Amino acid sequence: MSVTMKQIAELAGVSRATVDKVLNGRPGVKPATKEKILQITKALHYEPNILGKALVSTEPIKIGIILTPAYNPFIGEMLAGIEQAEKEFSVFNLQILTRTLTTLEPEEQADVLRDLQKEHIAGLAVFPLDDSRVKDLAKAFAADGTAVITFNSRAEDLESLCFIGQDHKKGGAVAAGLFEKMLPDGGEIGVIISSRALSCHKDRLSGFESRLQKTGAFRILEVEENEDQPNRALAITEAYLKRYPALSGIYLTGGGIAGCAEALAAANPTKRIACICHDVTPEAQSLLRTGVLDFIIDQSPKLQGYQIVKTLFEILIKRQTPPPWIEIPVGIVTAESL
């Protein structure tokens, strides 16, 4: 049978209110009294009913989540996971403030962070752009006592309680290994990267390049940014096809595969172009079924979205310390596995 605050108060010869102050870190208790209460709680293995308190609390616990632009279907899957977790933990009075960017410009993300400062959030989950303005604001949240976690993409010099995401270098290396199997004699690869402002895409590119360099049979022609936008992927793919007649493959580190496919269909090259992208979006699945796309590297966006809320719930409500990294497995999706 667990010990109660009332029993601790009786043993310490103080009021229940005094015990409550000590256990919740509030001032107004003499040091000797505080020490006596803490010794009793330790000896009796007292565990506070944290979940019970949260259930009866009328004050909402606000969580801010900042997502990258919604024109990438990947974000829709993340939102589905966030909404699932929100329903599951709604009885604990969690209030989730989701903010979706319209661009990958650091100033916009900084503005969103400033707006969330006005909301007095208890927890923040951010997909940080590698920019000093963004990192300084995230650090300010942490300094004020906000529980800050990062997901999908890390940022240098930004410490968070937990990172939720893949080993992106591994993801890039997996893509390179698949190209090696499809093109055993090597070839010329054009790369479309989402943004160099996001470490996840830089890491995918690094892992991809490192793996291909080991064989010496591949040449990376160019690396162009599209910010996950199909129209930019279309223009980049058209340019690659015109400039490089020997183009063998295209690798997308992020979104925009529909634009790439449109360019390939319009050009109708004499030889087939191998193609790999990340993220299992509806467009990517359709192109995988028709054979335009060969493989998709999956990072379970719905699971990531769910895990963001679950982790902040455990930090803020259950008062648990999360692991420094919750790793999302690297998955390979084929037409046959859909």
Foldseek 3Di string as FASTA:
>chain_A
DADDLCVLCVVLVHDSVQLVCLVVVHDDDDPVSSVSSVVVCVVRVHDDPLQVVLLPDPDAAEEEEEEEAVVFVLVVLLVLLLVVLCVVCVSSRYDYHYHYDNAPDQVRLLVVLVVVVVVPHQEYEYQDFQDPSRQVSLVVCVVVNRQYEYEQFDYPPRAHLAYEEAQLLVLLLVVLVVVCVVCVQEFEEEEEEADPRTRSRVSSVVSNVVNVVVVVRYHYDYYHHDNQAQCSLLVVLLVCVVPPVRAAEYEYAGHNVVSNLVNCVVVVRPDQHAYEYEDDGPVVLVCLLVVNYAKYWYQSSSVSSNVVSVVVCCCPRVVDRDDHYDHGDTDIDHNVND
